[in-house]
N, C-alpha and C. Protein backbone atom coordinates (compact mmCIF):
# COMPACT_ATOMS: atom_id res chain seq x y z
N UNK A 1 -64.80 -73.49 -124.94
CA UNK A 1 -65.26 -74.77 -124.28
C UNK A 1 -66.55 -74.66 -123.70
N UNK A 2 -66.26 -73.63 -122.96
CA UNK A 2 -67.62 -73.31 -121.68
C UNK A 2 -68.86 -73.55 -122.71
N UNK A 3 -68.90 -72.97 -123.91
CA UNK A 3 -70.60 -72.80 -124.52
C UNK A 3 -70.68 -74.05 -124.97
N UNK A 4 -69.52 -75.06 -125.61
CA UNK A 4 -70.12 -76.14 -125.63
C UNK A 4 -70.33 -77.35 -125.08
N UNK A 5 -70.01 -77.01 -123.99
CA UNK A 5 -70.31 -78.28 -122.42
C UNK A 5 -71.46 -77.56 -121.95
N UNK A 6 -71.84 -76.58 -122.14
CA UNK A 6 -73.44 -76.06 -121.59
C UNK A 6 -74.54 -76.36 -122.36
N UNK A 7 -74.33 -76.80 -124.08
CA UNK A 7 -75.21 -76.98 -124.65
C UNK A 7 -76.20 -78.66 -124.04
N UNK A 8 -77.35 -78.48 -124.19
CA UNK A 8 -78.19 -79.66 -123.75
C UNK A 8 -77.65 -80.98 -124.13
N UNK A 9 -77.36 -80.83 -125.72
CA UNK A 9 -77.29 -82.25 -126.28
C UNK A 9 -75.84 -82.91 -125.92
N UNK A 10 -74.83 -81.88 -125.85
CA UNK A 10 -73.35 -82.29 -125.31
C UNK A 10 -73.69 -82.83 -123.84
N UNK A 11 -74.04 -81.85 -123.18
CA UNK A 11 -74.55 -82.90 -121.39
C UNK A 11 -74.94 -84.09 -121.33
N UNK A 12 -76.01 -84.23 -122.68
CA UNK A 12 -76.75 -85.79 -122.50
C UNK A 12 -75.82 -86.48 -122.72
N UNK A 13 -74.66 -86.43 -124.06
CA UNK A 13 -74.31 -87.47 -124.40
C UNK A 13 -73.12 -87.61 -123.25
N UNK A 14 -72.49 -86.55 -122.80
CA UNK A 14 -71.59 -86.81 -121.84
C UNK A 14 -72.10 -87.78 -120.58
N UNK A 15 -73.16 -87.61 -120.24
CA UNK A 15 -74.00 -88.14 -118.98
C UNK A 15 -74.02 -89.54 -119.45
N UNK A 16 -74.71 -89.91 -120.80
CA UNK A 16 -74.81 -91.18 -121.19
C UNK A 16 -73.90 -92.29 -121.20
N UNK A 17 -72.72 -91.18 -121.83
CA UNK A 17 -71.22 -92.02 -121.78
C UNK A 17 -70.69 -92.37 -120.57
N UNK A 18 -70.73 -91.14 -119.57
CA UNK A 18 -70.32 -91.52 -118.00
C UNK A 18 -71.07 -92.46 -117.72
N UNK A 19 -72.38 -92.71 -117.61
CA UNK A 19 -73.24 -93.62 -116.67
C UNK A 19 -72.84 -95.01 -117.66
N UNK A 20 -72.42 -94.97 -118.54
CA UNK A 20 -72.35 -96.21 -119.46
C UNK A 20 -70.93 -97.16 -118.93
N UNK A 21 -70.09 -96.06 -118.91
CA UNK A 21 -68.31 -96.45 -118.45
C UNK A 21 -68.66 -96.98 -116.92
N UNK A 22 -69.41 -96.26 -116.13
CA UNK A 22 -69.82 -96.41 -114.73
C UNK A 22 -70.32 -97.96 -114.67
N UNK A 23 -71.65 -98.05 -115.10
CA UNK A 23 -71.98 -99.41 -114.90
C UNK A 23 -71.44 -100.49 -115.51
N UNK A 24 -70.64 -100.31 -116.70
CA UNK A 24 -69.57 -101.59 -116.93
C UNK A 24 -68.51 -101.61 -116.39
N UNK A 25 -68.08 -100.66 -115.32
CA UNK A 25 -66.97 -100.90 -114.43
C UNK A 25 -67.57 -101.92 -113.23
N UNK A 26 -69.25 -101.72 -112.63
CA UNK A 26 -69.84 -101.92 -112.14
C UNK A 26 -69.55 -103.59 -112.21
N UNK A 27 -70.36 -103.94 -113.59
CA UNK A 27 -70.53 -104.98 -113.80
C UNK A 27 -69.22 -106.05 -113.76
N UNK A 28 -67.92 -105.44 -114.08
CA UNK A 28 -66.72 -106.16 -114.04
C UNK A 28 -66.09 -106.34 -113.03
N UNK A 29 -66.42 -105.49 -111.98
CA UNK A 29 -66.01 -105.40 -110.87
C UNK A 29 -66.91 -106.73 -109.84
N UNK A 30 -67.89 -106.84 -110.07
CA UNK A 30 -69.12 -107.48 -109.74
C UNK A 30 -68.67 -109.24 -110.44
N UNK A 31 -68.40 -109.42 -111.50
CA UNK A 31 -68.03 -110.42 -112.08
C UNK A 31 -66.48 -110.70 -111.60
N UNK A 32 -65.78 -110.17 -111.17
CA UNK A 32 -64.20 -110.10 -110.57
C UNK A 32 -64.33 -110.60 -109.17
N UNK A 33 -65.38 -109.92 -108.51
CA UNK A 33 -65.76 -110.33 -106.95
C UNK A 33 -66.34 -111.84 -107.06
N UNK A 34 -67.10 -112.13 -107.98
CA UNK A 34 -67.83 -113.38 -107.85
C UNK A 34 -66.94 -114.71 -108.11
N UNK A 35 -65.49 -114.41 -108.64
CA UNK A 35 -64.49 -115.12 -108.78
C UNK A 35 -64.11 -115.97 -107.51
N UNK A 36 -64.05 -114.92 -106.66
CA UNK A 36 -63.26 -115.32 -105.32
C UNK A 36 -64.73 -115.95 -104.30
N UNK A 37 -65.74 -116.31 -104.89
CA UNK A 37 -66.92 -116.99 -103.97
C UNK A 37 -66.34 -118.51 -103.33
N UNK A 38 -65.69 -119.19 -103.90
CA UNK A 38 -65.56 -120.47 -103.87
C UNK A 38 -63.82 -120.47 -103.42
N UNK A 39 -63.37 -121.50 -103.11
CA UNK A 39 -62.16 -121.99 -102.91
C UNK A 39 -61.33 -122.12 -103.92
N UNK A 40 -61.96 -122.78 -105.10
CA UNK A 40 -61.45 -123.63 -106.27
C UNK A 40 -61.39 -121.99 -107.08
N UNK A 41 -62.56 -121.20 -106.84
CA UNK A 41 -62.37 -120.07 -107.53
C UNK A 41 -62.57 -120.41 -109.30
N UNK A 42 -62.53 -119.50 -110.13
CA UNK A 42 -62.47 -119.33 -111.18
C UNK A 42 -64.00 -119.79 -112.37
N UNK A 43 -65.02 -120.48 -111.33
CA UNK A 43 -66.46 -120.60 -111.78
C UNK A 43 -66.91 -119.59 -112.85
N UNK A 44 -67.48 -119.53 -113.87
CA UNK A 44 -67.96 -118.66 -114.67
C UNK A 44 -69.24 -118.68 -113.50
N UNK A 45 -70.04 -117.18 -114.10
CA UNK A 45 -71.15 -116.92 -113.55
C UNK A 45 -72.63 -117.25 -113.67
N UNK A 46 -72.55 -118.13 -114.77
CA UNK A 46 -73.70 -118.83 -115.20
C UNK A 46 -73.46 -120.38 -114.93
N UNK A 47 -72.62 -120.46 -114.46
CA UNK A 47 -72.36 -122.33 -114.26
C UNK A 47 -73.58 -122.66 -113.31
N UNK A 48 -74.00 -122.05 -112.39
CA UNK A 48 -74.99 -122.47 -111.57
C UNK A 48 -76.39 -122.26 -111.34
N UNK A 49 -76.67 -121.68 -112.79
CA UNK A 49 -78.03 -121.13 -113.05
C UNK A 49 -78.77 -122.52 -113.95
């Protein structure tokens, strides 16, 4: 297992997948927080553009 994780291609793909999941979670959190911007709430993020 240690030899598998030490290979450069495996480390690259694990890093890529980890960063993708992290950034997706950040986007979901930002959309969730945008929901509480006004008292009415529930406005979709693109309604004001």
